[in-house]
PDB file of N, CA and C in Angstrom:
ATOM      1  N   MET A   1       0.846  -1.126  -0.018  1.00  0.00           N
ATOM      2  CA  MET A   1       0.016  -0.003  -0.027  1.00  0.00           C
ATOM      3  C   MET A   1       0.888   1.208   0.012  1.00  0.00           C
ATOM      4  N   MET A   2       0.591   2.218  -0.805  1.00  0.00           N
ATOM      5  CA  MET A   2       1.353   3.384  -0.914  1.00  0.00           C
ATOM      6  C   MET A   2       0.773   4.453  -0.018  1.00  0.00           C
ATOM      7  N   TRP A   3       1.567   5.249   0.703  1.00  0.00           N
ATOM      8  CA  TRP A   3       1.210   6.294   1.550  1.00  0.00           C
ATOM      9  C   TRP A   3       1.208   7.599   0.807  1.00  0.00           C
ATOM     10  N   SER A   4       0.243   8.456   1.037  1.00  0.00           N
ATOM     11  CA  SER A   4       0.190   9.733   0.324  1.00  0.00           C
ATOM     12  C   SER A   4      -0.113  10.860   1.369  1.00  0.00           C
ATOM     13  N   PRO A   5       0.497  11.989   1.249  1.00  0.00           N
ATOM     14  CA  PRO A   5       0.220  13.102   2.172  1.00  0.00           C
ATOM     15  C   PRO A   5      -1.208  13.722   1.863  1.00  0.00           C
ATOM     16  N   PHE A   6      -1.783  13.320   0.773  1.00  0.00           N
ATOM     17  CA  PHE A   6      -3.119  13.878   0.418  1.00  0.00           C
ATOM     18  C   PHE A   6      -4.231  12.956   0.705  1.00  0.00           C
ATOM     19  N   PHE A   7      -3.938  11.876   1.480  1.00  0.00           N
ATOM     20  CA  PHE A   7      -5.043  10.926   1.888  1.00  0.00           C
ATOM     21  C   PHE A   7      -6.213  11.699   2.571  1.00  0.00           C
ATOM     22  N   GLY A   8      -7.386  11.446   2.119  1.00  0.00           N
ATOM     23  CA  GLY A   8      -8.493  12.143   2.694  1.00  0.00           C
ATOM     24  C   GLY A   8      -8.828  13.494   2.181  1.00  0.00           C
ATOM     25  N   TYR A   9      -7.903  14.093   1.429  1.00  0.00           N
ATOM     26  CA  TYR A   9      -8.064  15.440   0.914  1.00  0.00           C
ATOM     27  C   TYR A   9      -9.239  15.564   0.019  1.00  0.00           C
ATOM     28  N   TYR A  10      -9.493  14.648  -0.839  1.00  0.00           N
ATOM     29  CA  TYR A  10     -10.609  14.711  -1.765  1.00  0.00           C
ATOM     30  C   TYR A  10     -11.934  14.653  -1.040  1.00  0.00           C
ATOM     31  N   SER A  11     -12.002  13.845   0.020  1.00  0.00           N
ATOM     32  CA  SER A  11     -13.246  13.820   0.791  1.00  0.00           C
ATOM     33  C   SER A  11     -13.592  15.184   1.377  1.00  0.00           C
ATOM     34  N   LYS A  12     -12.658  15.923   1.792  1.00  0.00           N
ATOM     35  CA  LYS A  12     -12.901  17.281   2.331  1.00  0.00           C
ATOM     36  C   LYS A  12     -13.454  18.139   1.211  1.00  0.00           C
ATOM     37  N   ILE A  13     -12.926  18.106   0.056  1.00  0.00           N
ATOM     38  CA  ILE A  13     -13.355  18.914  -1.083  1.00  0.00           C
ATOM     39  C   ILE A  13     -14.757  18.499  -1.486  1.00  0.00           C
ATOM     40  N   GLU A  14     -15.009  17.253  -1.576  1.00  0.00           N
ATOM     41  CA  GLU A  14     -16.297  16.726  -1.955  1.00  0.00           C
ATOM     42  C   GLU A  14     -17.378  17.114  -0.930  1.00  0.00           C
ATOM     43  N   LEU A  15     -17.017  17.034   0.364  1.00  0.00           N
ATOM     44  CA  LEU A  15     -17.960  17.457   1.415  1.00  0.00           C
ATOM     45  C   LEU A  15     -18.286  18.964   1.325  1.00  0.00           C
ATOM     46  N   ASN A  16     -17.238  19.763   1.043  1.00  0.00           N
ATOM     47  CA  ASN A  16     -17.489  21.226   0.915  1.00  0.00           C
ATOM     48  C   ASN A  16     -18.305  21.528  -0.314  1.00  0.00           C
ATOM     49  N   ILE A  17     -18.026  20.855  -1.411  1.00  0.00           N
ATOM     50  CA  ILE A  17     -18.858  21.073  -2.645  1.00  0.00           C
ATOM     51  C   ILE A  17     -20.330  20.719  -2.417  1.00  0.00           C
ATOM     52  N   PHE A  18     -20.503  19.612  -1.750  1.00  0.00           N
ATOM     53  CA  PHE A  18     -21.920  19.213  -1.421  1.00  0.00           C
ATOM     54  C   PHE A  18     -22.570  20.271  -0.522  1.00  0.00           C
ATOM     55  N   SER A  19     -21.907  20.698   0.524  1.00  0.00           N
ATOM     56  CA  SER A  19     -22.404  21.650   1.490  1.00  0.00           C
ATOM     57  C   SER A  19     -22.791  22.948   0.716  1.00  0.00           C
ATOM     58  N   ASN A  20     -21.882  23.392  -0.154  1.00  0.00           N
ATOM     59  CA  ASN A  20     -22.130  24.593  -0.940  1.00  0.00           C
ATOM     60  C   ASN A  20     -23.388  24.491  -1.805  1.00  0.00           C
ATOM     61  N   GLN A  21     -23.557  23.382  -2.471  1.00  0.00           N
ATOM     62  CA  GLN A  21     -24.715  23.187  -3.399  1.00  0.00           C
ATOM     63  C   GLN A  21     -25.982  23.195  -2.537  1.00  0.00           C
ATOM     64  N   LEU A  22     -25.997  22.481  -1.362  1.00  0.00           N
ATOM     65  CA  LEU A  22     -27.140  22.496  -0.521  1.00  0.00           C
ATOM     66  C   LEU A  22     -27.475  23.941  -0.097  1.00  0.00           C
ATOM     67  N   ALA A  23     -26.445  24.733   0.316  1.00  0.00           N
ATOM     68  CA  ALA A  23     -26.610  26.046   0.692  1.00  0.00           C
ATOM     69  C   ALA A  23     -27.211  26.978  -0.346  1.00  0.00           C
ATOM     70  N   VAL A  24     -26.827  26.753  -1.599  1.00  0.00           N
ATOM     71  CA  VAL A  24     -27.420  27.520  -2.721  1.00  0.00           C
ATOM     72  C   VAL A  24     -28.923  27.184  -2.842  1.00  0.00           C
ATOM     73  N   ASP A  25     -29.263  25.959  -2.767  1.00  0.00           N
ATOM     74  CA  ASP A  25     -30.686  25.496  -2.895  1.00  0.00           C
ATOM     75  C   ASP A  25     -31.483  26.073  -1.665  1.00  0.00           C
ATOM     76  N   VAL A  26     -30.911  26.028  -0.494  1.00  0.00           N
ATOM     77  CA  VAL A  26     -31.599  26.564   0.703  1.00  0.00           C
ATOM     78  C   VAL A  26     -31.781  27.993   0.546  1.00  0.00           C
ATOM     79  N   ARG A  27     -30.744  28.792   0.131  1.00  0.00           N
ATOM     80  CA  ARG A  27     -30.882  30.195  -0.040  1.00  0.00           C
ATOM     81  C   ARG A  27     -32.014  30.609  -0.923  1.00  0.00           C
ATOM     82  N   GLU A  28     -32.313  29.847  -1.939  1.00  0.00           N
ATOM     83  CA  GLU A  28     -33.414  30.132  -2.896  1.00  0.00           C
ATOM     84  C   GLU A  28     -34.679  29.508  -2.606  1.00  0.00           C
ATOM     85  N   ALA A  29     -34.747  28.735  -1.509  1.00  0.00           N
ATOM     86  CA  ALA A  29     -35.979  27.994  -1.136  1.00  0.00           C
ATOM     87  C   ALA A  29     -37.016  28.811  -0.476  1.00  0.00           C
ATOM     88  N   GLU A  30     -38.267  28.608  -0.853  1.00  0.00           N
ATOM     89  CA  GLU A  30     -39.432  29.306  -0.263  1.00  0.00           C
ATOM     90  C   GLU A  30     -39.984  28.560   0.940  1.00  0.00           C
ATOM     91  N   VAL A  31     -39.823  27.242   0.967  1.00  0.00           N
ATOM     92  CA  VAL A  31     -40.253  26.350   2.048  1.00  0.00           C
ATOM     93  C   VAL A  31     -39.214  25.315   2.273  1.00  0.00           C
ATOM     94  N   MET A  32     -38.964  25.000   3.657  1.00  0.00           N
ATOM     95  CA  MET A  32     -38.039  23.985   4.079  1.00  0.00           C
ATOM     96  C   MET A  32     -38.706  23.070   5.000  1.00  0.00           C
ATOM     97  N   ILE A  33     -38.596  21.729   4.710  1.00  0.00           N
ATOM     98  CA  ILE A  33     -39.241  20.729   5.536  1.00  0.00           C
ATOM     99  C   ILE A  33     -38.193  19.647   5.800  1.00  0.00           C
ATOM    100  N   THR A  34     -37.968  19.244   7.111  1.00  0.00           N
ATOM    101  CA  THR A  34     -36.955  18.258   7.373  1.00  0.00           C
ATOM    102  C   THR A  34     -37.701  16.985   7.902  1.00  0.00           C
ATOM    103  N   GLU A  35     -37.091  15.819   7.516  1.00  0.00           N
ATOM    104  CA  GLU A  35     -37.563  14.518   8.033  1.00  0.00           C
ATOM    105  C   GLU A  35     -36.266  13.708   8.255  1.00  0.00           C
ATOM    106  N   ASP A  36     -36.396  12.514   8.823  1.00  0.00           N
ATOM    107  CA  ASP A  36     -35.290  11.677   9.067  1.00  0.00           C
ATOM    108  C   ASP A  36     -34.486  11.409   7.754  1.00  0.00           C
ATOM    109  N   LYS A  37     -33.258  11.791   7.744  1.00  0.00           N
ATOM    110  CA  LYS A  37     -32.325  11.572   6.668  1.00  0.00           C
ATOM    111  C   LYS A  37     -32.668  12.220   5.355  1.00  0.00           C
ATOM    112  N   ARG A  38     -33.556  13.244   5.408  1.00  0.00           N
ATOM    113  CA  ARG A  38     -33.880  13.947   4.187  1.00  0.00           C
ATOM    114  C   ARG A  38     -34.364  15.395   4.496  1.00  0.00           C
ATOM    115  N   VAL A  39     -34.261  16.249   3.515  1.00  0.00           N
ATOM    116  CA  VAL A  39     -34.761  17.644   3.621  1.00  0.00           C
ATOM    117  C   VAL A  39     -35.451  17.932   2.325  1.00  0.00           C
ATOM    118  N   TYR A  40     -36.654  18.564   2.406  1.00  0.00           N
ATOM    119  CA  TYR A  40     -37.421  18.992   1.253  1.00  0.00           C
ATOM    120  C   TYR A  40     -37.369  20.516   1.134  1.00  0.00           C
ATOM    121  N   LEU A  41     -37.126  21.035  -0.072  1.00  0.00           N
ATOM    122  CA  LEU A  41     -37.110  22.446  -0.367  1.00  0.00           C
ATOM    123  C   LEU A  41     -38.049  22.709  -1.525  1.00  0.00           C
ATOM    124  N   LEU A  42     -38.788  23.782  -1.401  1.00  0.00           N
ATOM    125  CA  LEU A  42     -39.669  24.222  -2.480  1.00  0.00           C
ATOM    126  C   LEU A  42     -38.992  25.460  -3.095  1.00  0.00           C
ATOM    127  N   LYS A  43     -38.603  25.389  -4.411  1.00  0.00           N
ATOM    128  CA  LYS A  43     -37.892  26.412  -5.030  1.00  0.00           C
ATOM    129  C   LYS A  43     -38.490  26.668  -6.404  1.00  0.00           C
ATOM    130  N   ASN A  44     -39.035  27.829  -6.617  1.00  0.00           N
ATOM    131  CA  ASN A  44     -39.683  28.168  -7.858  1.00  0.00           C
ATOM    132  C   ASN A  44     -40.730  27.144  -8.320  1.00  0.00           C
ATOM    133  N   ASP A  45     -41.564  26.793  -7.324  1.00  0.00           N
ATOM    134  CA  ASP A  45     -42.706  25.860  -7.494  1.00  0.00           C
ATOM    135  C   ASP A  45     -42.212  24.434  -7.868  1.00  0.00           C
ATOM    136  N   GLU A  46     -40.984  24.065  -7.503  1.00  0.00           N
ATOM    137  CA  GLU A  46     -40.467  22.796  -7.827  1.00  0.00           C
ATOM    138  C   GLU A  46     -39.878  22.225  -6.537  1.00  0.00           C
ATOM    139  N   GLU A  47     -40.126  20.924  -6.264  1.00  0.00           N
ATOM    140  CA  GLU A  47     -39.596  20.263  -5.054  1.00  0.00           C
ATOM    141  C   GLU A  47     -38.172  19.790  -5.350  1.00  0.00           C
ATOM    142  N   ILE A  48     -37.307  20.146  -4.414  1.00  0.00           N
ATOM    143  CA  ILE A  48     -35.905  19.596  -4.365  1.00  0.00           C
ATOM    144  C   ILE A  48     -35.797  18.851  -3.086  1.00  0.00           C
ATOM    145  N   ARG A  49     -35.252  17.632  -3.205  1.00  0.00           N
ATOM    146  CA  ARG A  49     -35.106  16.797  -2.022  1.00  0.00           C
ATOM    147  C   ARG A  49     -33.689  16.224  -1.900  1.00  0.00           C
ATOM    148  N   TYR A  50     -33.086  16.372  -0.794  1.00  0.00           N
ATOM    149  CA  TYR A  50     -31.808  15.697  -0.473  1.00  0.00           C
ATOM    150  C   TYR A  50     -32.104  14.591   0.451  1.00  0.00           C
ATOM    151  N   GLU A  51     -31.616  13.388   0.099  1.00  0.00           N
ATOM    152  CA  GLU A  51     -31.967  12.188   0.912  1.00  0.00           C
ATOM    153  C   GLU A  51     -30.720  11.263   0.990  1.00  0.00           C
ATOM    154  N   LEU A  52     -30.520  10.717   2.194  1.00  0.00           N
ATOM    155  CA  LEU A  52     -29.481   9.699   2.373  1.00  0.00           C
ATOM    156  C   LEU A  52     -30.070   8.351   2.116  1.00  0.00           C
ATOM    157  N   ILE A  53     -29.507   7.655   1.055  1.00  0.00           N
ATOM    158  CA  ILE A  53     -29.957   6.287   0.677  1.00  0.00           C
ATOM    159  C   ILE A  53     -28.729   5.467   0.427  1.00  0.00           C
ATOM    160  N   SER A  54     -28.635   4.355   1.165  1.00  0.00           N
ATOM    161  CA  SER A  54     -27.510   3.401   1.074  1.00  0.00           C
ATOM    162  C   SER A  54     -26.105   4.047   1.039  1.00  0.00           C
ATOM    163  N   GLY A  55     -25.930   4.951   1.998  1.00  0.00           N
ATOM    164  CA  GLY A  55     -24.575   5.576   2.065  1.00  0.00           C
ATOM    165  C   GLY A  55     -24.303   6.633   1.070  1.00  0.00           C
ATOM    166  N   SER A  56     -25.314   7.101   0.366  1.00  0.00           N
ATOM    167  CA  SER A  56     -25.125   8.094  -0.642  1.00  0.00           C
ATOM    168  C   SER A  56     -26.165   9.158  -0.486  1.00  0.00           C
ATOM    169  N   ILE A  57     -25.793  10.447  -0.541  1.00  0.00           N
ATOM    170  CA  ILE A  57     -26.769  11.534  -0.498  1.00  0.00           C
ATOM    171  C   ILE A  57     -27.142  11.833  -1.977  1.00  0.00           C
ATOM    172  N   ARG A  58     -28.456  11.809  -2.261  1.00  0.00           N
ATOM    173  CA  ARG A  58     -28.941  12.023  -3.593  1.00  0.00           C
ATOM    174  C   ARG A  58     -29.776  13.302  -3.577  1.00  0.00           C
ATOM    175  N   ARG A  59     -29.705  14.024  -4.750  1.00  0.00           N
ATOM    176  CA  ARG A  59     -30.482  15.232  -4.913  1.00  0.00           C
ATOM    177  C   ARG A  59     -31.565  14.948  -5.962  1.00  0.00           C
ATOM    178  N   PHE A  60     -32.842  14.993  -5.551  1.00  0.00           N
ATOM    179  CA  PHE A  60     -33.923  14.756  -6.421  1.00  0.00           C
ATOM    180  C   PHE A  60     -34.529  16.128  -6.799  1.00  0.00           C
ATOM    181  N   VAL A  61     -34.881  16.314  -8.049  1.00  0.00           N
ATOM    182  CA  VAL A  61     -35.572  17.535  -8.536  1.00  0.00           C
ATOM    183  C   VAL A  61     -36.808  17.074  -9.209  1.00  0.00           C
ATOM    184  N   GLY A  62     -37.989  17.476  -8.552  1.00  0.00           N
ATOM    185  CA  GLY A  62     -39.249  17.059  -9.142  1.00  0.00           C
ATOM    186  C   GLY A  62     -39.353  15.554  -9.249  1.00  0.00           C
ATOM    187  N   ASN A  63     -39.874  15.117 -10.374  1.00  0.00           N
ATOM    188  CA  ASN A  63     -39.965  13.642 -10.613  1.00  0.00           C
ATOM    189  C   ASN A  63     -39.060  13.275 -11.748  1.00  0.00           C
ATOM    190  N   ARG A  64     -37.944  13.961 -11.906  1.00  0.00           N
ATOM    191  CA  ARG A  64     -37.029  13.753 -13.049  1.00  0.00           C
ATOM    192  C   ARG A  64     -35.807  12.905 -12.724  1.00  0.00           C
ATOM    193  N   GLY A  65     -35.851  12.157 -11.594  1.00  0.00           N
ATOM    194  CA  GLY A  65     -34.672  11.387 -11.249  1.00  0.00           C
ATOM    195  C   GLY A  65     -33.833  12.050 -10.184  1.00  0.00           C
ATOM    196  N   TYR A  66     -32.566  11.583 -10.090  1.00  0.00           N
ATOM    197  CA  TYR A  66     -31.679  12.134  -9.095  1.00  0.00           C
ATOM    198  C   TYR A  66     -30.263  12.273  -9.563  1.00  0.00           C
ATOM    199  N   VAL A  67     -29.504  13.017  -8.806  1.00  0.00           N
ATOM    200  CA  VAL A  67     -28.122  13.180  -9.040  1.00  0.00           C
ATOM    201  C   VAL A  67     -27.341  12.774  -7.705  1.00  0.00           C
ATOM    202  N   PRO A  68     -26.427  11.756  -7.815  1.00  0.00           N
ATOM    203  CA  PRO A  68     -25.693  11.445  -6.562  1.00  0.00           C
ATOM    204  C   PRO A  68     -24.791  12.592  -6.212  1.00  0.00           C
ATOM    205  N   MET A  69     -24.907  13.108  -4.978  1.00  0.00           N
ATOM    206  CA  MET A  69     -24.161  14.295  -4.539  1.00  0.00           C
ATOM    207  C   MET A  69     -22.918  13.939  -3.672  1.00  0.00           C
ATOM    208  N   LEU A  70     -23.010  12.876  -2.870  1.00  0.00           N
ATOM    209  CA  LEU A  70     -21.916  12.592  -1.980  1.00  0.00           C
ATOM    210  C   LEU A  70     -22.020  11.103  -1.589  1.00  0.00           C
ATOM    211  N   ASP A  71     -20.893  10.364  -1.790  1.00  0.00           N
ATOM    212  CA  ASP A  71     -20.837   8.976  -1.408  1.00  0.00           C
ATOM    213  C   ASP A  71     -20.096   8.743  -0.088  1.00  0.00           C
ATOM    214  N   SER A  72     -20.131   7.544   0.466  1.00  0.00           N
ATOM    215  CA  SER A  72     -19.441   7.162   1.681  1.00  0.00           C
ATOM    216  C   SER A  72     -19.946   7.984   2.875  1.00  0.00           C
ATOM    217  N   VAL A  73     -21.179   8.210   2.944  1.00  0.00           N
ATOM    218  CA  VAL A  73     -21.833   8.981   3.987  1.00  0.00           C
ATOM    219  C   VAL A  73     -22.359   8.094   5.086  1.00  0.00           C
ATOM    220  N   GLU A  74     -21.968   8.352   6.368  1.00  0.00           N
ATOM    221  CA  GLU A  74     -22.426   7.529   7.474  1.00  0.00           C
ATOM    222  C   GLU A  74     -23.774   8.070   8.020  1.00  0.00           C
ATOM    223  N   SER A  75     -23.905   9.400   8.071  1.00  0.00           N
ATOM    224  CA  SER A  75     -25.173  10.018   8.559  1.00  0.00           C
ATOM    225  C   SER A  75     -25.411  11.394   7.930  1.00  0.00           C
ATOM    226  N   PHE A  76     -26.720  11.741   7.807  1.00  0.00           N
ATOM    227  CA  PHE A  76     -27.076  13.013   7.291  1.00  0.00           C
ATOM    228  C   PHE A  76     -28.414  13.405   8.015  1.00  0.00           C
ATOM    229  N   SER A  77     -28.366  14.554   8.555  1.00  0.00           N
ATOM    230  CA  SER A  77     -29.634  15.039   9.260  1.00  0.00           C
ATOM    231  C   SER A  77     -29.677  16.575   9.190  1.00  0.00           C
ATOM    232  N   CYS A  78     -30.894  17.050   9.123  1.00  0.00           N
ATOM    233  CA  CYS A  78     -31.154  18.505   9.121  1.00  0.00           C
ATOM    234  C   CYS A  78     -32.281  18.839  10.096  1.00  0.00           C
ATOM    235  N   SER A  79     -32.187  20.038  10.616  1.00  0.00           N
ATOM    236  CA  SER A  79     -33.256  20.537  11.445  1.00  0.00           C
ATOM    237  C   SER A  79     -33.499  22.026  11.106  1.00  0.00           C
ATOM    238  N   GLU A  80     -34.799  22.446  11.194  1.00  0.00           N
ATOM    239  CA  GLU A  80     -35.156  23.752  10.838  1.00  0.00           C
ATOM    240  C   GLU A  80     -35.731  24.489  12.078  1.00  0.00           C
ATOM    241  N   LEU A  81     -35.180  25.621  12.383  1.00  0.00           N
ATOM    242  CA  LEU A  81     -35.695  26.381  13.523  1.00  0.00           C
ATOM    243  C   LEU A  81     -35.623  27.897  13.207  1.00  0.00           C
ATOM    244  N   GLU A  82     -36.815  28.495  13.213  1.00  0.00           N
ATOM    245  CA  GLU A  82     -36.920  29.947  12.997  1.00  0.00           C
ATOM    246  C   GLU A  82     -36.254  30.422  11.699  1.00  0.00           C
ATOM    247  N   GLY A  83     -36.527  29.652  10.599  1.00  0.00           N
ATOM    248  CA  GLY A  83     -35.944  30.082   9.309  1.00  0.00           C
ATOM    249  C   GLY A  83     -34.555  29.624   9.089  1.00  0.00           C
ATOM    250  N   LEU A  84     -33.852  28.984  10.042  1.00  0.00           N
ATOM    251  CA  LEU A  84     -32.475  28.554   9.797  1.00  0.00           C
ATOM    252  C   LEU A  84     -32.459  27.049   9.679  1.00  0.00           C
ATOM    253  N   LEU A  85     -31.752  26.582   8.685  1.00  0.00           N
ATOM    254  CA  LEU A  85     -31.672  25.138   8.458  1.00  0.00           C
ATOM    255  C   LEU A  85     -30.238  24.742   8.877  1.00  0.00           C
ATOM    256  N   THR A  86     -30.176  23.797   9.818  1.00  0.00           N
ATOM    257  CA  THR A  86     -28.863  23.306  10.310  1.00  0.00           C
ATOM    258  C   THR A  86     -28.675  21.873   9.726  1.00  0.00           C
ATOM    259  N   CYS A  87     -27.671  21.547   9.008  1.00  0.00           N
ATOM    260  CA  CYS A  87     -27.460  20.213   8.473  1.00  0.00           C
ATOM    261  C   CYS A  87     -26.106  19.688   8.973  1.00  0.00           C
ATOM    262  N   TYR A  88     -26.152  18.404   9.359  1.00  0.00           N
ATOM    263  CA  TYR A  88     -24.981  17.724   9.882  1.00  0.00           C
ATOM    264  C   TYR A  88     -24.720  16.512   8.979  1.00  0.00           C
ATOM    265  N   THR A  89     -23.489  16.417   8.444  1.00  0.00           N
ATOM    266  CA  THR A  89     -23.087  15.298   7.596  1.00  0.00           C
ATOM    267  C   THR A  89     -21.863  14.652   8.183  1.00  0.00           C
ATOM    268  N   GLU A  90     -21.950  13.344   8.290  1.00  0.00           N
ATOM    269  CA  GLU A  90     -20.733  12.645   8.737  1.00  0.00           C
ATOM    270  C   GLU A  90     -20.381  11.546   7.672  1.00  0.00           C
ATOM    271  N   MET A  91     -19.048  11.564   7.275  1.00  0.00           N
ATOM    272  CA  MET A  91     -18.607  10.579   6.348  1.00  0.00           C
ATOM    273  C   MET A  91     -18.235   9.300   7.018  1.00  0.00           C
ATOM    274  N   GLN A  92     -18.100   8.226   6.279  1.00  0.00           N
ATOM    275  CA  GLN A  92     -17.690   6.899   6.853  1.00  0.00           C
ATOM    276  C   GLN A  92     -16.276   6.918   7.338  1.00  0.00           C
ATOM    277  N   ASN A  93     -15.416   7.890   6.913  1.00  0.00           N
ATOM    278  CA  ASN A  93     -14.039   7.952   7.372  1.00  0.00           C
ATOM    279  C   ASN A  93     -13.906   8.897   8.635  1.00  0.00           C
ATOM    280  N   GLY A  94     -15.078   9.353   9.152  1.00  0.00           N
ATOM    281  CA  GLY A  94     -15.084  10.156  10.401  1.00  0.00           C
ATOM    282  C   GLY A  94     -15.117  11.637  10.083  1.00  0.00           C
ATOM    283  N   LEU A  95     -14.858  12.113   8.951  1.00  0.00           N
ATOM    284  CA  LEU A  95     -14.909  13.499   8.596  1.00  0.00           C
ATOM    285  C   LEU A  95     -16.360  14.007   8.707  1.00  0.00           C
ATOM    286  N   SER A  96     -16.540  15.182   9.319  1.00  0.00           N
ATOM    287  CA  SER A  96     -17.932  15.657   9.443  1.00  0.00           C
ATOM    288  C   SER A  96     -17.979  17.180   9.150  1.00  0.00           C
ATOM    289  N   ASN A  97     -19.254  17.629   8.935  1.00  0.00           N
ATOM    290  CA  ASN A  97     -19.476  19.039   8.614  1.00  0.00           C
ATOM    291  C   ASN A  97     -20.831  19.411   9.131  1.00  0.00           C
ATOM    292  N   GLU A  98     -20.919  20.534   9.808  1.00  0.00           N
ATOM    293  CA  GLU A  98     -22.210  21.074  10.246  1.00  0.00           C
ATOM    294  C   GLU A  98     -22.285  22.493   9.678  1.00  0.00           C
ATOM    295  N   ARG A  99     -23.410  22.749   9.060  1.00  0.00           N
ATOM    296  CA  ARG A  99     -23.604  24.075   8.343  1.00  0.00           C
ATOM    297  C   ARG A  99     -24.947  24.614   8.716  1.00  0.00           C
ATOM    298  N   VAL A 100     -25.030  25.861   9.071  1.00  0.00           N
ATOM    299  CA  VAL A 100     -26.237  26.602   9.253  1.00  0.00           C
ATOM    300  C   VAL A 100     -26.508  27.512   8.125  1.00  0.00           C
ATOM    301  N   MET A 101     -27.755  27.362   7.514  1.00  0.00           N
ATOM    302  CA  MET A 101     -28.087  28.089   6.307  1.00  0.00           C
ATOM    303  C   MET A 101     -29.434  28.796   6.500  1.00  0.00           C
ATOM    304  N   SER A 102     -29.666  29.777   5.679  1.00  0.00           N
ATOM    305  CA  SER A 102     -30.976  30.445   5.683  1.00  0.00           C
ATOM    306  C   SER A 102     -31.400  30.786   4.280  1.00  0.00           C
ATOM    307  N   SER A 103     -32.663  30.925   4.101  1.00  0.00           N
ATOM    308  CA  SER A 103     -33.302  31.289   2.838  1.00  0.00           C
ATOM    309  C   SER A 103     -33.449  32.819   2.767  1.00  0.00           C
ATOM    310  N   MET A 104     -33.218  33.372   1.616  1.00  0.00           N
ATOM    311  CA  MET A 104     -33.421  34.769   1.477  1.00  0.00           C
ATOM    312  C   MET A 104     -34.891  35.157   1.654  1.00  0.00           C
ATOM    313  N   TYR A 105     -35.788  34.197   1.338  1.00  0.00           N
ATOM    314  CA  TYR A 105     -37.202  34.405   1.494  1.00  0.00           C
ATOM    315  C   TYR A 105     -37.586  34.418   2.957  1.00  0.00           C
ATOM    316  N   GLN A 106     -36.994  33.616   3.785  1.00  0.00           N
ATOM    317  CA  GLN A 106     -37.240  33.639   5.232  1.00  0.00           C
ATOM    318  C   GLN A 106     -36.828  34.920   5.865  1.00  0.00           C
ATOM    319  N   LYS A 107     -35.663  35.485   5.384  1.00  0.00           N
ATOM    320  CA  LYS A 107     -35.233  36.776   5.927  1.00  0.00           C
ATOM    321  C   LYS A 107     -36.206  37.866   5.569  1.00  0.00           C
ATOM    322  N   MET A 108     -36.749  37.855   4.369  1.00  0.00           N
ATOM    323  CA  MET A 108     -37.692  38.887   3.935  1.00  0.00           C
ATOM    324  C   MET A 108     -38.957  38.806   4.724  1.00  0.00           C
ATOM    325  N   GLU A 109     -39.429  37.607   5.068  1.00  0.00           N
ATOM    326  CA  GLU A 109     -40.686  37.438   5.891  1.00  0.00           C
ATOM    327  C   GLU A 109     -40.485  37.929   7.303  1.00  0.00           C
ATOM    328  N   ASN A 110     -39.262  37.881   7.817  1.00  0.00           N
ATOM    329  CA  ASN A 110     -38.993  38.241   9.201  1.00  0.00           C
ATOM    330  C   ASN A 110     -38.766  39.721   9.372  1.00  0.00           C
ATOM    331  N   LEU A 111     -38.676  40.488   8.337  1.00  0.00           N
ATOM    332  CA  LEU A 111     -38.488  41.965   8.435  1.00  0.00           C
ATOM    333  C   LEU A 111     -39.658  42.636   9.010  1.00  0.00           C
TER     334      LEU A 111
END
């Protein structure tokens, strides 16, 4: 087995890319609903769903299928409180990320 100083580096990048894509969708969402291992967003009258299935987080848009967003995921959970969505993602290698996001529509409603 060969050792590399970059071991695990790509997992960090992939986790950040996933988190950034989720944040973009949340920012533009008009409605946010959380359930076990999934989050539903309503954006421009279209449902977007992120769901953990068999160790992979998938992004569903409407009824047009899905895009695999992140593999080797141990757990994924989100909670919504007062317009803020907090999502926690843990990879199978122990790497984790927690991110708090908000929708621009939620901010407008709270003014």
